[in-house]
Protein backbone atom coordinates (compact mmCIF):
# COMPACT_ATOMS: atom_id res chain seq x y z
CA UNK A 1 62.62 -230.15 20.74
CA UNK A 2 59.52 -228.97 18.94
CA UNK A 3 56.65 -230.86 17.19
CA UNK A 4 56.60 -229.74 13.52
CA UNK A 5 53.62 -227.62 12.75
CA UNK A 6 51.33 -228.63 9.92
CA UNK A 7 49.34 -226.84 7.27
CA UNK A 8 46.11 -228.20 9.33
CA UNK A 9 47.29 -226.24 12.52
CA UNK A 10 47.93 -223.15 10.54
CA UNK A 11 44.91 -222.79 9.02
CA UNK A 12 43.29 -223.33 12.35
CA UNK A 13 45.21 -220.42 13.71
CA UNK A 14 43.52 -218.26 11.04
CA UNK A 15 40.34 -220.10 10.70
CA UNK A 16 40.71 -220.23 7.19
CA UNK A 17 40.95 -223.56 5.11
CA UNK A 18 44.11 -225.91 4.48
CA UNK A 19 43.78 -224.56 0.77
CA UNK A 20 44.14 -220.89 1.64
CA UNK A 21 47.23 -221.58 3.76
CA UNK A 22 48.74 -223.78 0.77
CA UNK A 23 48.11 -220.93 -1.63
CA UNK A 24 49.55 -218.07 0.85
CA UNK A 25 52.45 -219.77 1.34
CA UNK A 26 52.86 -220.05 -2.58
CA UNK A 27 52.37 -216.34 -2.46
CA UNK A 28 49.35 -216.86 -4.90
CA UNK A 29 47.55 -213.69 -5.39
CA UNK A 30 44.37 -215.47 -5.12
CA UNK A 31 44.64 -214.67 -1.46
CA UNK A 32 44.94 -211.20 -0.26
CA UNK A 33 47.78 -209.41 0.61
CA UNK A 34 47.73 -208.96 4.55
CA UNK A 35 46.55 -212.41 4.99
CA UNK A 36 49.41 -213.70 2.65
CA UNK A 37 52.10 -211.85 4.92
CA UNK A 38 50.53 -212.75 8.20
CA UNK A 39 50.35 -216.77 7.04
CA UNK A 40 53.82 -216.57 5.74
CA UNK A 41 55.21 -214.51 8.67
CA UNK A 42 53.63 -217.20 11.23
CA UNK A 43 54.69 -220.25 9.19
CA UNK A 44 58.25 -218.95 9.23
CA UNK A 45 58.19 -217.90 12.67
CA UNK A 46 56.85 -221.69 13.85
CA UNK A 47 59.36 -223.25 11.63
CA UNK A 48 57.44 -224.81 8.86
CA UNK A 49 58.61 -226.79 6.11
CA UNK A 50 56.75 -228.72 3.48
CA UNK A 51 56.48 -232.51 4.07
CA UNK A 52 58.51 -233.67 0.41
CA UNK A 53 57.32 -237.19 0.79
CA UNK A 54 53.94 -236.29 1.18
CA UNK A 55 54.03 -233.96 -1.76
CA UNK A 56 55.85 -237.05 -3.79
CA UNK A 57 52.87 -239.15 -2.45
CA UNK A 58 50.43 -236.62 -4.12
CA UNK A 59 52.28 -236.16 -7.46
CA UNK A 60 53.61 -239.75 -7.61
CA UNK A 61 57.38 -238.04 -7.51
CA UNK A 62 59.57 -237.95 -4.68
CA UNK A 63 62.58 -236.51 -6.54
CA UNK A 64 64.59 -238.67 -3.98
CA UNK A 65 66.44 -242.05 -4.90
CA UNK A 66 67.55 -244.75 -2.80
CA UNK A 67 71.09 -246.49 -2.31
CA UNK A 68 71.61 -249.45 -0.76
CA UNK A 69 75.64 -250.61 -0.64
CA UNK A 70 77.30 -253.65 1.23
CA UNK A 71 79.88 -251.40 2.96
CA UNK A 72 80.44 -247.70 3.32
CA UNK A 73 84.08 -248.04 4.86
CA UNK A 74 85.20 -249.80 1.61
CA UNK A 75 87.08 -246.86 -0.11
CA UNK A 76 85.32 -248.19 -3.72
CA UNK A 77 81.60 -247.94 -2.48
CA UNK A 78 82.33 -244.59 -0.90
CA UNK A 79 83.59 -243.61 -4.40
CA UNK A 80 80.33 -244.94 -5.95
CA UNK A 81 78.04 -243.18 -3.51
CA UNK A 82 79.98 -240.02 -4.80
CA UNK A 83 79.23 -240.69 -8.48
CA UNK A 84 75.38 -241.27 -7.57
CA UNK A 85 75.47 -238.17 -5.58
CA UNK A 86 76.90 -236.16 -8.37
CA UNK A 87 74.61 -237.04 -10.99
CA UNK A 88 71.36 -237.01 -8.50
CA UNK A 89 72.43 -233.19 -7.41
CA UNK A 90 72.74 -232.09 -10.79
CA UNK A 91 69.37 -233.54 -11.71
CA UNK A 92 67.56 -232.25 -8.45
CA UNK A 93 67.42 -235.69 -6.95
CA UNK A 94 67.81 -236.35 -3.18
CA UNK A 95 69.64 -239.42 -2.24
CA UNK A 96 68.93 -241.70 0.83
CA UNK A 97 71.56 -244.22 1.37
CA UNK A 98 71.27 -247.74 3.51
CA UNK A 99 74.21 -249.60 4.57
CA UNK A 100 73.40 -253.60 4.55
CA UNK A 101 76.36 -254.84 6.29
CA UNK A 102 76.62 -257.51 4.06
CA UNK A 103 73.51 -258.55 5.70
CA UNK A 104 70.47 -260.39 3.71
CA UNK A 105 67.99 -259.22 6.63
CA UNK A 106 69.29 -255.81 6.36
CA UNK A 107 69.08 -255.31 2.80
CA UNK A 108 65.39 -256.78 2.52
CA UNK A 109 64.63 -254.56 5.19
CA UNK A 110 65.96 -251.33 2.88
CA UNK A 111 64.38 -252.70 -0.12
CA UNK A 112 61.04 -252.61 1.45
CA UNK A 113 61.41 -249.19 2.64
CA UNK A 114 62.24 -247.94 -0.58
CA UNK A 115 59.37 -249.91 -2.22
CA UNK A 116 56.57 -247.83 -0.10
CA UNK A 117 56.93 -245.08 -2.08
CA UNK A 118 59.85 -243.36 -0.22
CA UNK A 119 61.64 -243.36 -3.38
CA UNK A 120 61.08 -243.00 -7.40
CA UNK A 121 63.90 -245.54 -7.33
CA UNK A 122 66.75 -247.32 -5.99
CA UNK A 123 70.41 -248.87 -6.66
CA UNK A 124 71.79 -251.98 -4.87
CA UNK A 125 75.16 -253.56 -4.65
CA UNK A 126 74.25 -257.13 -3.22
CA UNK A 127 75.08 -258.01 -0.08
CA UNK A 128 77.04 -260.87 0.37
CA UNK A 129 74.71 -263.01 2.27
CA UNK A 130 72.34 -262.49 0.02
CA UNK A 131 74.63 -263.90 -2.94
CA UNK A 132 75.66 -266.78 -0.46
CA UNK A 133 71.80 -267.47 0.27
CA UNK A 134 70.72 -267.13 -3.53
CA UNK A 135 67.68 -265.21 -2.18
CA UNK A 136 66.41 -262.48 -4.30
CA UNK A 137 62.73 -262.23 -4.03
CA UNK A 138 62.68 -258.75 -2.30
CA UNK A 139 63.86 -257.32 -5.31
CA UNK A 140 61.27 -258.87 -7.62
CA UNK A 141 58.19 -256.49 -6.61
CA UNK A 142 60.27 -253.50 -7.69
CA UNK A 143 58.27 -253.36 -11.11
CA UNK A 144 54.88 -254.10 -9.72
CA UNK A 145 55.30 -251.29 -7.24
CA UNK A 146 56.31 -248.80 -9.94
CA UNK A 147 59.64 -248.21 -8.66
CA UNK A 148 62.76 -248.23 -10.51
CA UNK A 149 65.59 -250.36 -10.07
CA UNK A 150 69.41 -250.74 -10.72
CA UNK A 151 71.78 -253.30 -9.68
CA UNK A 152 75.43 -252.54 -9.89
CA UNK A 153 78.82 -254.03 -9.21
CA UNK A 154 77.45 -257.13 -7.47
CA UNK A 155 74.50 -258.17 -9.28
CA UNK A 156 72.47 -261.33 -10.28
CA UNK A 157 71.12 -262.65 -13.24
CA UNK A 158 68.24 -263.95 -11.44
CA UNK A 159 66.57 -260.29 -11.25
CA UNK A 160 65.75 -258.71 -14.95
CA UNK A 161 66.69 -255.12 -14.30
CA UNK A 162 69.47 -252.44 -15.82
CA UNK A 163 72.98 -253.33 -14.33
CA UNK A 164 76.27 -251.41 -14.15
CA UNK A 165 79.08 -254.36 -13.52
CA UNK A 166 83.06 -254.15 -14.11
CA UNK A 167 84.43 -256.87 -15.99
CA UNK A 168 85.89 -258.65 -12.47
CA UNK A 169 87.00 -262.00 -14.82
CA UNK A 170 88.99 -260.07 -16.91
CA UNK A 171 90.51 -257.57 -14.43
CA UNK A 172 91.77 -260.32 -12.10
CA UNK A 173 93.29 -262.02 -15.33
CA UNK A 174 95.13 -258.71 -16.30
CA UNK A 175 96.51 -258.30 -12.86
CA UNK A 176 97.73 -262.25 -12.74
CA UNK A 177 99.19 -261.82 -16.08
CA UNK A 178 100.70 -258.42 -14.78
CA UNK A 179 102.76 -260.76 -12.12
CA UNK A 180 103.74 -263.72 -14.77
CA UNK A 181 105.11 -261.26 -17.47
CA UNK A 182 107.54 -259.86 -14.72
CA UNK A 183 108.67 -263.23 -13.96
CA UNK A 184 106.43 -263.97 -10.94
CA UNK A 185 105.48 -267.86 -10.93
CA UNK A 186 104.03 -268.53 -7.77
CA UNK A 187 101.27 -266.45 -7.25
CA UNK A 188 98.78 -266.76 -4.18
CA UNK A 189 95.16 -265.15 -4.11
CA UNK A 190 93.51 -264.03 -0.94
CA UNK A 191 89.98 -263.32 -0.96
CA UNK A 192 87.61 -262.36 1.67
CA UNK A 193 84.81 -261.82 -0.89
CA UNK A 194 84.70 -265.46 -1.94
CA UNK A 195 80.59 -265.89 -2.01
CA UNK A 196 80.09 -262.56 -3.66
CA UNK A 197 79.55 -262.55 -7.49
CA UNK A 198 82.79 -260.45 -7.92
CA UNK A 199 84.75 -262.57 -5.62
CA UNK A 200 83.59 -265.56 -7.74
CA UNK A 201 84.20 -263.65 -10.92
CA UNK A 202 88.01 -262.94 -9.77
CA UNK A 203 88.85 -266.05 -8.67
CA UNK A 204 88.22 -267.58 -12.07
CA UNK A 205 90.08 -264.78 -14.03
CA UNK A 206 92.97 -265.70 -11.86
CA UNK A 207 92.61 -269.47 -12.95
CA UNK A 208 92.14 -268.43 -16.48
CA UNK A 209 95.63 -266.61 -16.54
CA UNK A 210 97.58 -269.63 -14.74
CA UNK A 211 95.68 -271.72 -17.62
CA UNK A 212 96.71 -269.19 -20.43
CA UNK A 213 100.33 -269.71 -19.20
CA UNK A 214 100.10 -273.21 -18.96
CA UNK A 215 101.02 -272.77 -15.00
CA UNK A 216 99.42 -275.42 -11.95
CA UNK A 217 96.52 -274.08 -10.24
CA UNK A 218 97.56 -274.92 -6.60
CA UNK A 219 94.01 -274.80 -4.73
CA UNK A 220 96.31 -274.11 -1.68
CA UNK A 221 97.23 -270.98 -2.59
CA UNK A 222 93.98 -269.78 -2.92
CA UNK A 223 92.87 -268.37 0.47
CA UNK A 224 89.37 -267.85 0.89
CA UNK A 225 88.92 -266.12 4.13
CA UNK A 226 85.85 -266.26 5.96
CA UNK A 227 84.40 -263.82 8.72
CA UNK A 228 85.66 -265.99 11.40
CA UNK A 229 89.09 -266.80 10.01
CA UNK A 230 92.50 -265.36 10.95
CA UNK A 231 94.12 -263.67 7.65
CA UNK A 232 97.70 -263.66 9.72
CA UNK A 233 97.50 -267.37 10.75
CA UNK A 234 96.35 -268.54 7.13
CA UNK A 235 98.89 -267.12 5.37
CA UNK A 236 101.74 -267.89 7.61
CA UNK A 237 100.51 -271.28 7.00
CA UNK A 238 100.69 -270.88 3.41
CA UNK A 239 104.32 -269.18 3.17
CA UNK A 240 105.75 -271.59 5.45
CA UNK A 241 104.61 -274.58 3.24
CA UNK A 242 105.11 -273.43 -0.29
CA UNK A 243 106.82 -270.67 -2.37
CA UNK A 244 105.29 -267.24 -2.97
CA UNK A 245 106.56 -264.60 -4.90
CA UNK A 246 103.20 -262.88 -5.73
CA UNK A 247 99.87 -262.22 -4.12
CA UNK A 248 96.72 -260.87 -5.45
CA UNK A 249 94.19 -259.59 -3.12
CA UNK A 250 90.55 -259.22 -4.07
CA UNK A 251 89.62 -256.79 -1.69
CA UNK A 252 91.56 -253.24 -0.15
CA UNK A 253 91.20 -254.21 3.08
CA UNK A 254 92.62 -257.82 2.68
CA UNK A 255 95.12 -255.86 0.72
CA UNK A 256 96.59 -253.97 3.71
CA UNK A 257 96.39 -256.58 6.08
CA UNK A 258 98.18 -258.86 3.89
CA UNK A 259 101.23 -255.79 3.24
CA UNK A 260 101.25 -255.47 7.31
CA UNK A 261 101.71 -259.20 7.94
CA UNK A 262 104.15 -259.46 5.14
CA UNK A 263 106.21 -256.59 6.71
CA UNK A 264 105.99 -258.46 9.83
CA UNK A 265 107.11 -261.71 8.58
CA UNK A 266 110.33 -259.43 7.50
CA UNK A 267 109.43 -260.48 3.53
CA UNK A 268 110.81 -257.26 1.55
CA UNK A 269 107.71 -256.07 -0.58
CA UNK A 270 108.19 -255.98 -3.73
CA UNK A 271 111.74 -257.60 -3.67
CA UNK A 272 110.67 -260.89 -2.06
CA UNK A 273 106.94 -260.90 -3.20
CA UNK A 274 105.19 -258.57 -5.15
CA UNK A 275 101.59 -257.12 -4.33
CA UNK A 276 98.54 -256.44 -6.11
CA UNK A 277 95.37 -255.40 -4.71
CA UNK A 278 91.87 -254.35 -5.82
CA UNK A 279 90.49 -251.13 -5.49
CA UNK A 280 92.20 -247.76 -6.16
CA UNK A 281 91.81 -245.93 -3.01
CA UNK A 282 93.58 -243.50 -0.54
CA UNK A 283 95.03 -246.25 1.77
CA UNK A 284 96.72 -248.33 -0.97
CA UNK A 285 98.37 -245.00 -1.75
CA UNK A 286 99.29 -244.16 1.77
CA UNK A 287 101.37 -247.23 3.03
CA UNK A 288 104.69 -248.19 2.47
CA UNK A 289 105.28 -249.65 -0.06
CA UNK A 290 102.27 -248.01 -2.03
CA UNK A 291 100.38 -250.85 -3.51
CA UNK A 292 99.69 -251.44 -6.99
CA UNK A 293 96.12 -251.71 -7.58
CA UNK A 294 93.09 -252.59 -9.96
CA UNK A 295 91.12 -249.63 -10.39
CA UNK A 296 87.34 -250.25 -10.43
CA UNK A 297 86.67 -246.82 -11.45
CA UNK A 298 83.95 -246.28 -8.48
CA UNK A 299 83.05 -242.80 -9.23
CA UNK A 300 82.39 -243.61 -12.72
CA UNK A 301 80.44 -246.80 -11.79
CA UNK A 302 78.07 -244.82 -9.93
CA UNK A 303 77.48 -241.81 -12.20
CA UNK A 304 76.24 -244.57 -14.77
CA UNK A 305 74.24 -246.32 -12.57
CA UNK A 306 72.68 -243.18 -11.49
CA UNK A 307 72.20 -242.47 -15.39
CA UNK A 308 70.54 -245.80 -16.05
CA UNK A 309 68.07 -245.17 -13.03
CA UNK A 310 67.01 -241.51 -14.41
CA UNK A 311 66.48 -243.12 -18.16
CA UNK A 312 64.65 -246.05 -16.48
CA UNK A 313 62.31 -243.39 -14.51
CA UNK A 314 61.63 -241.16 -17.88
CA UNK A 315 60.82 -244.29 -19.64
CA UNK A 316 58.24 -245.62 -16.79
CA UNK A 317 56.89 -242.12 -16.90
CA UNK A 318 56.26 -242.06 -20.54
CA UNK A 319 55.01 -245.58 -20.51
CA UNK A 320 57.72 -246.67 -22.76
CA UNK A 321 59.35 -250.19 -23.27
CA UNK A 322 62.83 -250.23 -22.42
CA UNK A 323 64.62 -253.68 -22.18
CA UNK A 324 66.75 -254.56 -19.16
CA UNK A 325 70.44 -253.16 -20.12
CA UNK A 326 74.03 -253.87 -18.83
CA UNK A 327 76.86 -251.94 -18.97
CA UNK A 328 80.41 -253.11 -18.48
CA UNK A 329 82.96 -251.13 -17.30
CA UNK A 330 86.99 -252.03 -18.19
CA UNK A 331 89.52 -251.89 -15.33
CA UNK A 332 92.94 -250.49 -15.19
CA UNK A 333 96.26 -251.47 -13.34
CA UNK A 334 97.67 -248.69 -11.40
CA UNK A 335 101.19 -249.14 -10.94
CA UNK A 336 102.97 -248.40 -7.82
CA UNK A 337 105.85 -249.84 -5.82
CA UNK A 338 104.41 -253.07 -4.65
CA UNK A 339 105.54 -254.50 -7.97
CA UNK A 340 108.06 -254.55 -10.13
CA UNK A 341 108.17 -254.34 -13.93
CA UNK A 342 110.69 -256.23 -15.90
C-alpha cells in the first residue's frame, strides 16, 4: 500500500513552496497555467487527497460529528444512526460512529478521542456500565474544549447539556394499561437493561399502571436479567410458580427470545399469554406471531438529536448563550398478532 503523498512532497518535486502547490491545486490564477496543470496532474497521478482533519484544525471546523451508541445490533439504535446521518448529510457533515458495547471504558476512550479536535460535536447514548457506575466526568470537559454535545435516549441529570429522550415511564405505563384494559391481570416484566435510565423508568411505568388499577405489585414477576443469567431458566421458574397471562419485554432481543421460549414450552401467544415488546424493528415483524411493540421512533430521535447539535454548534460559533434543552418524544403502540384486543 502506497504512503499518502503530502503537499510538502509535491512542493519538493517541483522545487516550489507549499503555498504555491496549495494555490495550484485550488486552480488559483496567481499561479501560471502551465505550472498549475503540471502540479494538478502530478497530484492526481499520485492520488493526493487533502487531509480534512488538518484543514479542520486550521479552520477550527471539521464538518464532522461523532456518535457514541451502546449497541448497533439493536434495531432501535440502528434507526437512531439513520436519523443522525440523514440530517448530517443534508448539512454537509460527516459522521464518525463509535460503539461502546455498553462498556464504561470504551465510552471514555471514544469521548476523549472526540474531544481532541476530531469532531465539532458529538451525540451520545450512555453505556449501561456507565449508568451502573454513575461516572460521568469524561463528559464534563466537552464545554472546556469547545466541543458541542447532545445526550440521547439514555441520559443523566448529572451532566448539563442538550438532551433528546423518550417518555419511557409513560410508554411502559401505556403498554401495561393496554394489557389490563384487555383483561390481562397477571403481567410479568422482563428487563435486560435494569441498570440503564430507560430501564428504570420503564419498570416504574409498569408499576404505576398496576397501582393505578389497584393491582398487587409482585416483585417476583419482574425479571431483571443480568449478563450472566439465563432468561429461559428464569422464565421457566416464574411460569411454573405463578399465573402469567401477559409479558412486557423492555428490549427487542429479550422479546424475540421470550417468544421462542414460550413457543418451546407450548404456550399459545396470544391466547395463553399476550406479549408486548419495546422497539418497533423488523425482527418483531418477522416472527410468528408478529409482536405488538412500543415504537420509540428511533429515526426521529436521531434527527432531533442532530438538529439540537447543529443549533448548539451555531450558538457556539456566534458566542450566544443557549441554555440546555430537553426534548421528550412520545411513543406509540403498534398492535400486531401477539396481543388480543377486547
